[in-house]
Amino acid sequence: AMRQMSASLLAAQYPVLTWWGLLTVLTRAAATVTMVVIF
């Protein structure tokens, strides 16, 4: 039962973590491009 509840938790958590991970990638890319454009 604990494993099943943990699996349900992870199933809900993974998409959230993916989006926040994507946020890090996109903001880092935007920062790099901005620095290049500045110079």
PDB file of all heavy atoms in Angstrom:
ATOM      1  N   ALA A   1       0.837  -1.205   0.000  1.00  0.00           N
ATOM      2  CA  ALA A   1       0.000   0.000   0.000  1.00  0.00           C
ATOM      3  C   ALA A   1       0.870   1.253   0.000  1.00  0.00           C
ATOM      4  O   ALA A   1       0.572   2.234  -0.689  1.00  0.00           O
ATOM      5  CB  ALA A   1      -0.919  -0.010   1.216  1.00  0.00           C
ATOM      6  N   MET A   2       1.972   1.211   0.760  1.00  0.00           N
ATOM      7  CA  MET A   2       2.884   2.354   0.804  1.00  0.00           C
ATOM      8  C   MET A   2       3.512   2.597  -0.568  1.00  0.00           C
ATOM      9  O   MET A   2       3.644   3.736  -1.025  1.00  0.00           O
ATOM     10  CB  MET A   2       3.964   2.112   1.857  1.00  0.00           C
ATOM     11  CG  MET A   2       5.003   3.212   1.968  1.00  0.00           C
ATOM     12  SD  MET A   2       4.279   4.779   2.496  1.00  0.00           S
ATOM     13  CE  MET A   2       3.805   4.354   4.172  1.00  0.00           C
ATOM     14  N   ARG A   3       3.915   1.508  -1.229  1.00  0.00           N
ATOM     15  CA  ARG A   3       4.512   1.655  -2.567  1.00  0.00           C
ATOM     16  C   ARG A   3       3.505   2.227  -3.554  1.00  0.00           C
ATOM     17  O   ARG A   3       3.857   3.054  -4.412  1.00  0.00           O
ATOM     18  CB  ARG A   3       5.045   0.304  -3.049  1.00  0.00           C
ATOM     19  CG  ARG A   3       6.374  -0.104  -2.403  1.00  0.00           C
ATOM     20  CD  ARG A   3       6.977  -1.305  -3.079  1.00  0.00           C
ATOM     21  NE  ARG A   3       6.251  -2.524  -2.769  1.00  0.00           N
ATOM     22  CZ  ARG A   3       6.540  -3.332  -1.756  1.00  0.00           C
ATOM     23  NH1 ARG A   3       7.550  -3.046  -0.953  1.00  0.00           N
ATOM     24  NH2 ARG A   3       5.836  -4.430  -1.537  1.00  0.00           N
ATOM     25  N   GLN A   4       2.253   1.783  -3.460  1.00  0.00           N
ATOM     26  CA  GLN A   4       1.229   2.302  -4.365  1.00  0.00           C
ATOM     27  C   GLN A   4       0.983   3.789  -4.129  1.00  0.00           C
ATOM     28  O   GLN A   4       0.850   4.574  -5.082  1.00  0.00           O
ATOM     29  CB  GLN A   4      -0.068   1.513  -4.174  1.00  0.00           C
ATOM     30  CG  GLN A   4       0.015   0.077  -4.677  1.00  0.00           C
ATOM     31  CD  GLN A   4      -1.242  -0.721  -4.364  1.00  0.00           C
ATOM     32  OE1 GLN A   4      -2.107  -0.288  -3.615  1.00  0.00           O
ATOM     33  NE2 GLN A   4      -1.340  -1.916  -4.926  1.00  0.00           N
ATOM     34  N   MET A   5       0.941   4.194  -2.850  1.00  0.00           N
ATOM     35  CA  MET A   5       0.729   5.610  -2.544  1.00  0.00           C
ATOM     36  C   MET A   5       1.936   6.442  -2.974  1.00  0.00           C
ATOM     37  O   MET A   5       1.782   7.560  -3.465  1.00  0.00           O
ATOM     38  CB  MET A   5       0.469   5.782  -1.049  1.00  0.00           C
ATOM     39  CG  MET A   5      -0.807   5.117  -0.564  1.00  0.00           C
ATOM     40  SD  MET A   5      -1.123   5.344   1.200  1.00  0.00           S
ATOM     41  CE  MET A   5      -1.732   7.023   1.197  1.00  0.00           C
ATOM     42  N   SER A   6       3.139   5.875  -2.808  1.00  0.00           N
ATOM     43  CA  SER A   6       4.348   6.576  -3.260  1.00  0.00           C
ATOM     44  C   SER A   6       4.349   6.732  -4.772  1.00  0.00           C
ATOM     45  O   SER A   6       4.752   7.775  -5.302  1.00  0.00           O
ATOM     46  CB  SER A   6       5.600   5.816  -2.805  1.00  0.00           C
ATOM     47  OG  SER A   6       5.674   5.743  -1.395  1.00  0.00           O
ATOM     48  N   ALA A   7       3.883   5.687  -5.467  1.00  0.00           N
ATOM     49  CA  ALA A   7       3.817   5.750  -6.928  1.00  0.00           C
ATOM     50  C   ALA A   7       2.832   6.827  -7.380  1.00  0.00           C
ATOM     51  O   ALA A   7       3.094   7.571  -8.335  1.00  0.00           O
ATOM     52  CB  ALA A   7       3.413   4.388  -7.490  1.00  0.00           C
ATOM     53  N   SER A   8       1.700   6.924  -6.679  1.00  0.00           N
ATOM     54  CA  SER A   8       0.719   7.967  -7.012  1.00  0.00           C
ATOM     55  C   SER A   8       1.300   9.354  -6.768  1.00  0.00           C
ATOM     56  O   SER A   8       1.075  10.286  -7.550  1.00  0.00           O
ATOM     57  CB  SER A   8      -0.548   7.777  -6.179  1.00  0.00           C
ATOM     58  OG  SER A   8      -1.167   6.537  -6.458  1.00  0.00           O
ATOM     59  N   LEU A   9       2.052   9.487  -5.675  1.00  0.00           N
ATOM     60  CA  LEU A   9       2.687  10.767  -5.373  1.00  0.00           C
ATOM     61  C   LEU A   9       3.690  11.143  -6.462  1.00  0.00           C
ATOM     62  O   LEU A   9       3.708  12.286  -6.944  1.00  0.00           O
ATOM     63  CB  LEU A   9       3.380  10.691  -4.011  1.00  0.00           C
ATOM     64  CG  LEU A   9       4.233  11.902  -3.603  1.00  0.00           C
ATOM     65  CD1 LEU A   9       3.394  13.170  -3.581  1.00  0.00           C
ATOM     66  CD2 LEU A   9       4.880  11.664  -2.253  1.00  0.00           C
ATOM     67  N   LEU A  10       4.517  10.178  -6.847  1.00  0.00           N
ATOM     68  CA  LEU A  10       5.518  10.460  -7.884  1.00  0.00           C
ATOM     69  C   LEU A  10       4.862  10.768  -9.228  1.00  0.00           C
ATOM     70  O   LEU A  10       5.336  11.624  -9.982  1.00  0.00           O
ATOM     71  CB  LEU A  10       6.467   9.277  -8.027  1.00  0.00           C
ATOM     72  CG  LEU A  10       7.443   9.050  -6.867  1.00  0.00           C
ATOM     73  CD1 LEU A  10       8.237   7.769  -7.088  1.00  0.00           C
ATOM     74  CD2 LEU A  10       8.381  10.237  -6.718  1.00  0.00           C
ATOM     75  N   ALA A  11       3.756  10.060  -9.532  1.00  0.00           N
ATOM     76  CA  ALA A  11       3.056  10.313 -10.794  1.00  0.00           C
ATOM     77  C   ALA A  11       2.539  11.748 -10.860  1.00  0.00           C
ATOM     78  O   ALA A  11       2.508  12.361 -11.937  1.00  0.00           O
ATOM     79  CB  ALA A  11       1.895   9.328 -10.944  1.00  0.00           C
ATOM     80  N   ALA A  12       2.119  12.271  -9.710  1.00  0.00           N
ATOM     81  CA  ALA A  12       1.672  13.667  -9.665  1.00  0.00           C
ATOM     82  C   ALA A  12       2.851  14.633  -9.629  1.00  0.00           C
ATOM     83  O   ALA A  12       2.775  15.749 -10.139  1.00  0.00           O
ATOM     84  CB  ALA A  12       0.784  13.887  -8.438  1.00  0.00           C
ATOM     85  N   GLN A  13       3.965  14.185  -9.043  1.00  0.00           N
ATOM     86  CA  GLN A  13       5.098  15.084  -8.826  1.00  0.00           C
ATOM     87  C   GLN A  13       5.987  15.223 -10.053  1.00  0.00           C
ATOM     88  O   GLN A  13       6.548  16.306 -10.286  1.00  0.00           O
ATOM     89  CB  GLN A  13       5.923  14.558  -7.646  1.00  0.00           C
ATOM     90  CG  GLN A  13       6.740  15.615  -6.936  1.00  0.00           C
ATOM     91  CD  GLN A  13       7.215  15.131  -5.584  1.00  0.00           C
ATOM     92  OE1 GLN A  13       7.572  13.965  -5.410  1.00  0.00           O
ATOM     93  NE2 GLN A  13       7.221  16.021  -4.608  1.00  0.00           N
ATOM     94  N   TYR A  14       6.137  14.161 -10.831  1.00  0.00           N
ATOM     95  CA  TYR A  14       7.059  14.202 -11.969  1.00  0.00           C
ATOM     96  C   TYR A  14       6.735  15.311 -12.972  1.00  0.00           C
ATOM     97  O   TYR A  14       7.641  16.042 -13.407  1.00  0.00           O
ATOM     98  CB  TYR A  14       7.094  12.840 -12.671  1.00  0.00           C
ATOM     99  CG  TYR A  14       7.985  11.827 -11.992  1.00  0.00           C
ATOM    100  CD1 TYR A  14       7.847  10.466 -12.246  1.00  0.00           C
ATOM    101  CD2 TYR A  14       8.976  12.220 -11.093  1.00  0.00           C
ATOM    102  CE1 TYR A  14       8.663   9.527 -11.627  1.00  0.00           C
ATOM    103  CE2 TYR A  14       9.789  11.289 -10.474  1.00  0.00           C
ATOM    104  CZ  TYR A  14       9.633   9.945 -10.738  1.00  0.00           C
ATOM    105  OH  TYR A  14      10.442   9.024 -10.128  1.00  0.00           O
ATOM    106  N   PRO A  15       5.460  15.463 -13.401  1.00  0.00           N
ATOM    107  CA  PRO A  15       5.170  16.554 -14.350  1.00  0.00           C
ATOM    108  C   PRO A  15       5.507  17.929 -13.776  1.00  0.00           C
ATOM    109  O   PRO A  15       5.998  18.808 -14.491  1.00  0.00           O
ATOM    110  CB  PRO A  15       3.659  16.417 -14.597  1.00  0.00           C
ATOM    111  CG  PRO A  15       3.345  14.995 -14.270  1.00  0.00           C
ATOM    112  CD  PRO A  15       4.257  14.647 -13.145  1.00  0.00           C
ATOM    113  N   VAL A  16       5.255  18.113 -12.467  1.00  0.00           N
ATOM    114  CA  VAL A  16       5.576  19.395 -11.825  1.00  0.00           C
ATOM    115  C   VAL A  16       7.083  19.624 -11.852  1.00  0.00           C
ATOM    116  O   VAL A  16       7.564  20.707 -12.201  1.00  0.00           O
ATOM    117  CB  VAL A  16       5.051  19.407 -10.375  1.00  0.00           C
ATOM    118  CG1 VAL A  16       5.508  20.674  -9.652  1.00  0.00           C
ATOM    119  CG2 VAL A  16       3.530  19.309 -10.353  1.00  0.00           C
ATOM    120  N   LEU A  17       7.842  18.591 -11.497  1.00  0.00           N
ATOM    121  CA  LEU A  17       9.301  18.711 -11.493  1.00  0.00           C
ATOM    122  C   LEU A  17       9.842  18.976 -12.895  1.00  0.00           C
ATOM    123  O   LEU A  17      10.814  19.719 -13.074  1.00  0.00           O
ATOM    124  CB  LEU A  17       9.928  17.438 -10.919  1.00  0.00           C
ATOM    125  CG  LEU A  17       9.607  17.137  -9.443  1.00  0.00           C
ATOM    126  CD1 LEU A  17      10.204  15.791  -9.036  1.00  0.00           C
ATOM    127  CD2 LEU A  17      10.130  18.245  -8.548  1.00  0.00           C
ATOM    128  N   THR A  18       9.209  18.358 -13.900  1.00  0.00           N
ATOM    129  CA  THR A  18       9.648  18.552 -15.288  1.00  0.00           C
ATOM    130  C   THR A  18       9.498  20.014 -15.704  1.00  0.00           C
ATOM    131  O   THR A  18      10.393  20.609 -16.312  1.00  0.00           O
ATOM    132  CB  THR A  18       8.837  17.651 -16.229  1.00  0.00           C
ATOM    133  OG1 THR A  18       9.072  16.277 -15.870  1.00  0.00           O
ATOM    134  CG2 THR A  18       9.258  17.870 -17.681  1.00  0.00           C
ATOM    135  N   TRP A  19       8.353  20.601 -15.366  1.00  0.00           N
ATOM    136  CA  TRP A  19       8.125  22.001 -15.731  1.00  0.00           C
ATOM    137  C   TRP A  19       9.107  22.927 -15.028  1.00  0.00           C
ATOM    138  O   TRP A  19       9.634  23.865 -15.622  1.00  0.00           O
ATOM    139  CB  TRP A  19       6.688  22.407 -15.400  1.00  0.00           C
ATOM    140  CG  TRP A  19       5.712  22.048 -16.488  1.00  0.00           C
ATOM    141  CD1 TRP A  19       4.808  21.047 -16.494  1.00  0.00           C
ATOM    142  CD2 TRP A  19       5.588  22.709 -17.753  1.00  0.00           C
ATOM    143  NE1 TRP A  19       4.100  21.018 -17.678  1.00  0.00           N
ATOM    144  CE2 TRP A  19       4.566  22.032 -18.471  1.00  0.00           C
ATOM    145  CE3 TRP A  19       6.234  23.786 -18.362  1.00  0.00           C
ATOM    146  CZ2 TRP A  19       4.172  22.417 -19.753  1.00  0.00           C
ATOM    147  CZ3 TRP A  19       5.838  24.170 -19.644  1.00  0.00           C
ATOM    148  CH2 TRP A  19       4.828  23.492 -20.322  1.00  0.00           C
ATOM    149  N   TRP A  20       9.374  22.678 -13.739  1.00  0.00           N
ATOM    150  CA  TRP A  20      10.321  23.533 -13.027  1.00  0.00           C
ATOM    151  C   TRP A  20      11.745  23.326 -13.526  1.00  0.00           C
ATOM    152  O   TRP A  20      12.561  24.254 -13.527  1.00  0.00           O
ATOM    153  CB  TRP A  20      10.238  23.287 -11.522  1.00  0.00           C
ATOM    154  CG  TRP A  20       8.969  23.853 -10.943  1.00  0.00           C
ATOM    155  CD1 TRP A  20       7.883  23.168 -10.500  1.00  0.00           C
ATOM    156  CD2 TRP A  20       8.655  25.242 -10.779  1.00  0.00           C
ATOM    157  NE1 TRP A  20       6.898  24.029 -10.069  1.00  0.00           N
ATOM    158  CE2 TRP A  20       7.346  25.312 -10.226  1.00  0.00           C
ATOM    159  CE3 TRP A  20       9.334  26.429 -11.032  1.00  0.00           C
ATOM    160  CZ2 TRP A  20       6.728  26.519  -9.923  1.00  0.00           C
ATOM    161  CZ3 TRP A  20       8.715  27.638 -10.727  1.00  0.00           C
ATOM    162  CH2 TRP A  20       7.425  27.672 -10.190  1.00  0.00           C
ATOM    163  N   GLY A  21      12.055  22.102 -13.947  1.00  0.00           N
ATOM    164  CA  GLY A  21      13.358  21.872 -14.574  1.00  0.00           C
ATOM    165  C   GLY A  21      13.466  22.604 -15.902  1.00  0.00           C
ATOM    166  O   GLY A  21      14.518  23.188 -16.223  1.00  0.00           O
ATOM    167  N   LEU A  22      12.359  22.597 -16.657  1.00  0.00           N
ATOM    168  CA  LEU A  22      12.341  23.319 -17.933  1.00  0.00           C
ATOM    169  C   LEU A  22      12.499  24.817 -17.709  1.00  0.00           C
ATOM    170  O   LEU A  22      13.154  25.511 -18.507  1.00  0.00           O
ATOM    171  CB  LEU A  22      11.016  23.031 -18.658  1.00  0.00           C
ATOM    172  CG  LEU A  22      10.846  23.659 -20.049  1.00  0.00           C
ATOM    173  CD1 LEU A  22      11.919  23.148 -20.991  1.00  0.00           C
ATOM    174  CD2 LEU A  22       9.447  23.358 -20.595  1.00  0.00           C
ATOM    175  N   LEU A  23      11.922  25.333 -16.622  1.00  0.00           N
ATOM    176  CA  LEU A  23      12.072  26.752 -16.291  1.00  0.00           C
ATOM    177  C   LEU A  23      13.552  27.109 -16.132  1.00  0.00           C
ATOM    178  O   LEU A  23      14.017  28.138 -16.636  1.00  0.00           O
ATOM    179  CB  LEU A  23      11.316  27.061 -14.995  1.00  0.00           C
ATOM    180  CG  LEU A  23      11.541  28.452 -14.397  1.00  0.00           C
ATOM    181  CD1 LEU A  23      10.988  29.528 -15.320  1.00  0.00           C
ATOM    182  CD2 LEU A  23      10.903  28.555 -13.013  1.00  0.00           C
ATOM    183  N   THR A  24      14.302  26.258 -15.451  1.00  0.00           N
ATOM    184  CA  THR A  24      15.731  26.511 -15.250  1.00  0.00           C
ATOM    185  C   THR A  24      16.470  26.569 -16.583  1.00  0.00           C
ATOM    186  O   THR A  24      17.309  27.461 -16.819  1.00  0.00           O
ATOM    187  CB  THR A  24      16.346  25.414 -14.362  1.00  0.00           C
ATOM    188  OG1 THR A  24      15.660  25.386 -13.098  1.00  0.00           O
ATOM    189  CG2 THR A  24      17.830  25.658 -14.122  1.00  0.00           C
ATOM    190  N   VAL A  25      16.151  25.641 -17.464  1.00  0.00           N
ATOM    191  CA  VAL A  25      16.811  25.599 -18.773  1.00  0.00           C
ATOM    192  C   VAL A  25      16.493  26.854 -19.583  1.00  0.00           C
ATOM    193  O   VAL A  25      17.388  27.494 -20.171  1.00  0.00           O
ATOM    194  CB  VAL A  25      16.391  24.330 -19.549  1.00  0.00           C
ATOM    195  CG1 VAL A  25      16.944  24.368 -20.975  1.00  0.00           C
ATOM    196  CG2 VAL A  25      16.868  23.081 -18.831  1.00  0.00           C
ATOM    197  N   LEU A  26      15.201  27.220 -19.625  1.00  0.00           N
ATOM    198  CA  LEU A  26      14.792  28.357 -20.442  1.00  0.00           C
ATOM    199  C   LEU A  26      15.367  29.678 -19.914  1.00  0.00           C
ATOM    200  O   LEU A  26      15.824  30.526 -20.690  1.00  0.00           O
ATOM    201  CB  LEU A  26      13.262  28.442 -20.480  1.00  0.00           C
ATOM    202  CG  LEU A  26      12.545  27.293 -21.217  1.00  0.00           C
ATOM    203  CD1 LEU A  26      11.030  27.436 -21.080  1.00  0.00           C
ATOM    204  CD2 LEU A  26      12.947  27.278 -22.693  1.00  0.00           C
ATOM    205  N   THR A  27      15.346  29.841 -18.577  1.00  0.00           N
ATOM    206  CA  THR A  27      15.882  31.090 -18.032  1.00  0.00           C
ATOM    207  C   THR A  27      17.396  31.170 -18.217  1.00  0.00           C
ATOM    208  O   THR A  27      17.930  32.249 -18.493  1.00  0.00           O
ATOM    209  CB  THR A  27      15.539  31.219 -16.542  1.00  0.00           C
ATOM    210  OG1 THR A  27      15.965  30.033 -15.837  1.00  0.00           O
ATOM    211  CG2 THR A  27      14.039  31.407 -16.347  1.00  0.00           C
ATOM    212  N   ARG A  28      18.068  30.040 -18.103  1.00  0.00           N
ATOM    213  CA  ARG A  28      19.513  30.054 -18.321  1.00  0.00           C
ATOM    214  C   ARG A  28      19.842  30.377 -19.776  1.00  0.00           C
ATOM    215  O   ARG A  28      20.776  31.125 -20.068  1.00  0.00           O
ATOM    216  CB  ARG A  28      20.087  28.681 -17.926  1.00  0.00           C
ATOM    217  CG  ARG A  28      21.602  28.582 -18.045  1.00  0.00           C
ATOM    218  CD  ARG A  28      22.309  29.668 -17.285  1.00  0.00           C
ATOM    219  NE  ARG A  28      21.891  29.724 -15.884  1.00  0.00           N
ATOM    220  CZ  ARG A  28      22.155  30.725 -15.088  1.00  0.00           C
ATOM    221  NH1 ARG A  28      22.798  31.788 -15.547  1.00  0.00           N
ATOM    222  NH2 ARG A  28      21.749  30.705 -13.835  1.00  0.00           N
ATOM    223  N   ALA A  29      19.025  29.833 -20.683  1.00  0.00           N
ATOM    224  CA  ALA A  29      19.236  30.127 -22.106  1.00  0.00           C
ATOM    225  C   ALA A  29      18.995  31.611 -22.388  1.00  0.00           C
ATOM    226  O   ALA A  29      19.760  32.263 -23.119  1.00  0.00           O
ATOM    227  CB  ALA A  29      18.300  29.273 -22.960  1.00  0.00           C
ATOM    228  N   ALA A  30      17.927  32.150 -21.775  1.00  0.00           N
ATOM    229  CA  ALA A  30      17.627  33.567 -21.972  1.00  0.00           C
ATOM    230  C   ALA A  30      18.749  34.441 -21.432  1.00  0.00           C
ATOM    231  O   ALA A  30      19.128  35.449 -22.044  1.00  0.00           O
ATOM    232  CB  ALA A  30      16.308  33.914 -21.279  1.00  0.00           C
ATOM    233  N   ALA A  31      19.329  34.051 -20.284  1.00  0.00           N
ATOM    234  CA  ALA A  31      20.420  34.820 -19.698  1.00  0.00           C
ATOM    235  C   ALA A  31      21.656  34.791 -20.590  1.00  0.00           C
ATOM    236  O   ALA A  31      22.325  35.817 -20.799  1.00  0.00           O
ATOM    237  CB  ALA A  31      20.750  34.258 -18.312  1.00  0.00           C
ATOM    238  N   THR A  32      21.962  33.620 -21.142  1.00  0.00           N
ATOM    239  CA  THR A  32      23.139  33.494 -22.004  1.00  0.00           C
ATOM    240  C   THR A  32      22.981  34.337 -23.267  1.00  0.00           C
ATOM    241  O   THR A  32      23.897  35.067 -23.686  1.00  0.00           O
ATOM    242  CB  THR A  32      23.361  32.015 -22.378  1.00  0.00           C
ATOM    243  OG1 THR A  32      23.546  31.258 -21.180  1.00  0.00           O
ATOM    244  CG2 THR A  32      24.587  31.865 -23.276  1.00  0.00           C
ATOM    245  N   VAL A  33      21.797  34.254 -23.903  1.00  0.00           N
ATOM    246  CA  VAL A  33      21.530  35.019 -25.119  1.00  0.00           C
ATOM    247  C   VAL A  33      21.616  36.515 -24.821  1.00  0.00           C
ATOM    248  O   VAL A  33      22.182  37.297 -25.609  1.00  0.00           O
ATOM    249  CB  VAL A  33      20.152  34.649 -25.697  1.00  0.00           C
ATOM    250  CG1 VAL A  33      19.774  35.597 -26.832  1.00  0.00           C
ATOM    251  CG2 VAL A  33      20.157  33.211 -26.198  1.00  0.00           C
ATOM    252  N   THR A  34      21.049  36.903 -23.670  1.00  0.00           N
ATOM    253  CA  THR A  34      21.085  38.332 -23.294  1.00  0.00           C
ATOM    254  C   THR A  34      22.515  38.820 -23.142  1.00  0.00           C
ATOM    255  O   THR A  34      22.865  39.926 -23.591  1.00  0.00           O
ATOM    256  CB  THR A  34      20.304  38.544 -21.985  1.00  0.00           C
ATOM    257  OG1 THR A  34      18.948  38.133 -22.179  1.00  0.00           O
ATOM    258  CG2 THR A  34      20.341  40.017 -21.567  1.00  0.00           C
ATOM    259  N   MET A  35      23.353  38.052 -22.506  1.00  0.00           N
ATOM    260  CA  MET A  35      24.740  38.449 -22.308  1.00  0.00           C
ATOM    261  C   MET A  35      25.450  38.620 -23.655  1.00  0.00           C
ATOM    262  O   MET A  35      26.198  39.593 -23.860  1.00  0.00           O
ATOM    263  CB  MET A  35      25.460  37.394 -21.457  1.00  0.00           C
ATOM    264  CG  MET A  35      26.839  37.831 -20.977  1.00  0.00           C
ATOM    265  SD  MET A  35      26.770  39.184 -19.777  1.00  0.00           S
ATOM    266  CE  MET A  35      26.219  38.299 -18.321  1.00  0.00           C
ATOM    267  N   VAL A  36      25.189  37.684 -24.567  1.00  0.00           N
ATOM    268  CA  VAL A  36      25.789  37.779 -25.902  1.00  0.00           C
ATOM    269  C   VAL A  36      25.310  39.036 -26.620  1.00  0.00           C
ATOM    270  O   VAL A  36      26.095  39.786 -27.227  1.00  0.00           O
ATOM    271  CB  VAL A  36      25.460  36.520 -26.728  1.00  0.00           C
ATOM    272  CG1 VAL A  36      25.906  36.704 -28.186  1.00  0.00           C
ATOM    273  CG2 VAL A  36      26.137  35.289 -26.125  1.00  0.00           C
ATOM    274  N   VAL A  37      24.000  39.294 -26.527  1.00  0.00           N
ATOM    275  CA  VAL A  37      23.430  40.457 -27.196  1.00  0.00           C
ATOM    276  C   VAL A  37      23.984  41.746 -26.594  1.00  0.00           C
ATOM    277  O   VAL A  37      24.266  42.723 -27.321  1.00  0.00           O
ATOM    278  CB  VAL A  37      21.887  40.429 -27.107  1.00  0.00           C
ATOM    279  CG1 VAL A  37      21.297  41.735 -27.636  1.00  0.00           C
ATOM    280  CG2 VAL A  37      21.333  39.248 -27.884  1.00  0.00           C
ATOM    281  N   ILE A  38      24.151  41.792 -25.271  1.00  0.00           N
ATOM    282  CA  ILE A  38      24.704  42.967 -24.598  1.00  0.00           C
ATOM    283  C   ILE A  38      26.072  43.322 -25.177  1.00  0.00           C
ATOM    284  O   ILE A  38      26.347  44.479 -25.561  1.00  0.00           O
ATOM    285  CB  ILE A  38      24.814  42.727 -23.072  1.00  0.00           C
ATOM    286  CG1 ILE A  38      23.440  42.812 -22.411  1.00  0.00           C
ATOM    287  CG2 ILE A  38      25.781  43.712 -22.417  1.00  0.00           C
ATOM    288  CD1 ILE A  38      22.901  44.200 -22.238  1.00  0.00           C
ATOM    289  N   PHE A  39      26.964  42.352 -25.281  1.00  0.00           N
ATOM    290  CA  PHE A  39      28.314  42.642 -25.762  1.00  0.00           C
ATOM    291  C   PHE A  39      28.340  42.890 -27.269  1.00  0.00           C
ATOM    292  O   PHE A  39      29.137  43.702 -27.768  1.00  0.00           O
ATOM    293  CB  PHE A  39      29.271  41.511 -25.379  1.00  0.00           C
ATOM    294  CG  PHE A  39      29.708  41.590 -23.939  1.00  0.00           C
ATOM    295  CD1 PHE A  39      29.120  40.796 -22.968  1.00  0.00           C
ATOM    296  CD2 PHE A  39      30.692  42.488 -23.559  1.00  0.00           C
ATOM    297  CE1 PHE A  39      29.509  40.890 -21.639  1.00  0.00           C
ATOM    298  CE2 PHE A  39      31.088  42.583 -22.226  1.00  0.00           C
ATOM    299  CZ  PHE A  39      30.501  41.785 -21.265  1.00  0.00           C
TER     300      PHE A  39
END
